[in-house]
């Protein structure tokens, strides 16, 4: 069951705009992305969650990249600093996981890369460190 959001927030399955995506990443300390990278991220996402205030400001987001069959990557989890500590991240994560469970075949593999501030959130939702069974790696091209 998804965590409820405070009454002054609403969660949408729509992506943020390119400018909102770039701003949310930049303000929350995620690596900056170009407009073209943001456009590709928005278009290539399996499902989105964007959290907006009553006035329409995008204050949180999260998405799933995946093949729709068995492999899913939680990405771009971000909440603006002034809105952190209000359950937005937990609500977004729970909603994304619920959609994976609803639409994917049993046995789906869900992965993510956790920045230190988000580690507790992910662990409380059942995520475990892959080490030493696996090695996390990356290549920046």
Protein backbone atom coordinates (compact mmCIF):
# COMPACT_ATOMS: atom_id res chain seq x y z
CA UNK A 1 0.00 0.00 0.00
CA UNK A 2 1.37 3.39 -0.99
CA UNK A 3 2.15 5.92 1.69
CA UNK A 4 -0.36 8.77 1.65
CA UNK A 5 0.83 12.18 0.61
CA UNK A 6 -0.07 15.29 2.57
CA UNK A 7 -3.17 17.02 1.24
CA UNK A 8 -1.14 19.82 -0.36
CA UNK A 9 0.65 17.36 -2.71
CA UNK A 10 -0.56 15.25 -5.58
CA UNK A 11 1.24 12.44 -7.36
CA UNK A 12 0.86 12.06 -11.10
CA UNK A 13 1.96 9.31 -13.46
CA UNK A 14 3.04 11.98 -15.93
CA UNK A 15 6.68 12.95 -16.34
CA UNK A 16 7.98 16.36 -15.37
CA UNK A 17 8.80 18.77 -18.15
CA UNK A 18 12.37 18.88 -19.46
CA UNK A 19 13.07 22.02 -17.43
CA UNK A 20 11.50 20.53 -14.29
CA UNK A 21 13.48 17.31 -14.69
CA UNK A 22 16.73 19.22 -15.05
CA UNK A 23 15.91 21.47 -12.09
CA UNK A 24 14.92 18.61 -9.78
CA UNK A 25 18.16 16.79 -10.59
CA UNK A 26 20.33 19.88 -10.15
CA UNK A 27 18.76 21.17 -6.93
CA UNK A 28 18.82 17.75 -5.25
CA UNK A 29 22.47 17.11 -6.04
CA UNK A 30 22.06 14.61 -8.87
CA UNK A 31 24.36 15.08 -11.83
CA UNK A 32 23.25 17.80 -14.24
CA UNK A 33 21.79 16.75 -17.58
CA UNK A 34 21.42 18.58 -20.87
CA UNK A 35 18.01 19.25 -22.37
CA UNK A 36 18.64 16.52 -24.93
CA UNK A 37 19.53 14.01 -22.20
CA UNK A 38 16.38 14.99 -20.31
CA UNK A 39 14.24 14.54 -23.42
CA UNK A 40 15.67 11.04 -23.90
CA UNK A 41 15.11 10.15 -20.25
CA UNK A 42 11.50 11.30 -20.38
CA UNK A 43 10.77 9.47 -23.64
CA UNK A 44 12.56 6.25 -22.66
CA UNK A 45 10.94 5.71 -19.28
CA UNK A 46 8.66 2.76 -18.52
CA UNK A 47 6.68 4.69 -15.88
CA UNK A 48 6.91 8.02 -14.05
CA UNK A 49 5.80 9.63 -10.84
CA UNK A 50 5.87 13.40 -10.44
CA UNK A 51 4.78 15.03 -7.21
CA UNK A 52 3.35 18.52 -7.47
CA UNK A 53 2.17 21.08 -4.96
CA UNK A 54 -1.37 22.45 -5.08
CA UNK A 55 0.01 25.34 -7.15
CA UNK A 56 1.49 22.91 -9.70
CA UNK A 57 5.18 23.12 -8.82
CA UNK A 58 7.07 19.87 -9.40
CA UNK A 59 8.77 19.06 -6.08
CA UNK A 60 9.52 15.35 -6.44
CA UNK A 61 9.95 12.64 -9.01
CA UNK A 62 10.98 9.08 -9.64
CA UNK A 63 10.90 6.77 -12.62
CA UNK A 64 11.39 3.22 -13.77
CA UNK A 65 13.48 2.29 -16.75
CA UNK A 66 13.02 -1.25 -17.91
CA UNK A 67 12.10 -3.78 -20.52
CA UNK A 68 8.58 -4.32 -19.18
CA UNK A 69 9.23 -8.02 -18.78
CA UNK A 70 11.62 -8.76 -15.96
CA UNK A 71 14.23 -6.01 -15.58
CA UNK A 72 13.45 -2.70 -13.91
CA UNK A 73 15.71 0.12 -12.72
CA UNK A 74 14.46 2.73 -10.25
CA UNK A 75 16.03 6.05 -11.26
CA UNK A 76 15.90 9.79 -10.70
CA UNK A 77 14.42 9.66 -7.23
CA UNK A 78 14.52 13.30 -6.15
CA UNK A 79 12.66 15.60 -3.75
CA UNK A 80 13.40 19.29 -3.46
CA UNK A 81 15.13 20.07 -0.14
CA UNK A 82 12.30 22.27 1.17
CA UNK A 83 9.89 19.35 0.74
CA UNK A 84 12.04 16.53 2.12
CA UNK A 85 10.97 14.71 5.28
CA UNK A 86 7.30 14.73 4.28
CA UNK A 87 7.08 11.21 2.88
CA UNK A 88 7.31 12.18 -0.78
CA UNK A 89 10.21 9.83 -1.57
CA UNK A 90 8.54 6.91 0.20
CA UNK A 91 5.24 7.53 -1.58
CA UNK A 92 6.93 7.73 -4.99
CA UNK A 93 8.97 4.57 -4.38
CA UNK A 94 5.97 2.62 -3.10
CA UNK A 95 3.87 3.70 -6.05
CA UNK A 96 6.56 2.71 -8.56
CA UNK A 97 7.03 -0.68 -6.89
CA UNK A 98 3.27 -1.25 -6.82
CA UNK A 99 3.08 -0.66 -10.57
CA UNK A 100 5.95 -3.08 -11.21
CA UNK A 101 4.20 -5.72 -9.09
CA UNK A 102 0.91 -5.10 -10.90
CA UNK A 103 2.21 -5.13 -14.48
CA UNK A 104 5.29 -7.36 -14.45
CA UNK A 105 5.49 -11.12 -14.32
CA UNK A 106 6.44 -12.62 -10.95
CA UNK A 107 10.18 -12.74 -10.42
CA UNK A 108 10.93 -9.28 -11.76
CA UNK A 109 14.40 -7.98 -10.95
CA UNK A 110 14.28 -4.45 -9.51
CA UNK A 111 17.54 -2.60 -9.07
CA UNK A 112 18.79 0.88 -8.26
CA UNK A 113 21.89 2.80 -7.35
CA UNK A 114 21.49 4.49 -3.97
CA UNK A 115 23.20 7.71 -3.04
CA UNK A 116 24.07 7.72 0.68
CA UNK A 117 21.12 9.96 1.71
CA UNK A 118 18.63 7.59 0.05
CA UNK A 119 20.06 4.34 1.35
CA UNK A 120 17.77 4.18 4.41
CA UNK A 121 14.64 4.73 2.29
CA UNK A 122 15.53 1.87 -0.03
CA UNK A 123 16.53 -0.49 2.77
CA UNK A 124 13.21 0.10 4.55
CA UNK A 125 11.49 -1.05 1.34
CA UNK A 126 13.42 -4.32 1.15
CA UNK A 127 16.37 -3.39 -1.06
CA UNK A 128 19.65 -5.06 -0.17
CA UNK A 129 23.24 -4.29 -1.03
CA UNK A 130 24.40 -6.44 -3.96
CA UNK A 131 27.94 -6.84 -2.59
CA UNK A 132 29.63 -9.27 -2.25
CA UNK A 133 27.36 -11.44 -4.43
CA UNK A 134 27.64 -8.95 -7.29
CA UNK A 135 29.82 -6.03 -8.17
CA UNK A 136 28.27 -2.71 -9.08
CA UNK A 137 30.02 -1.11 -12.02
CA UNK A 138 29.51 1.84 -14.31
CA UNK A 139 30.95 3.36 -17.46
CA UNK A 140 30.59 7.00 -18.34
CA UNK A 141 30.85 7.44 -22.07
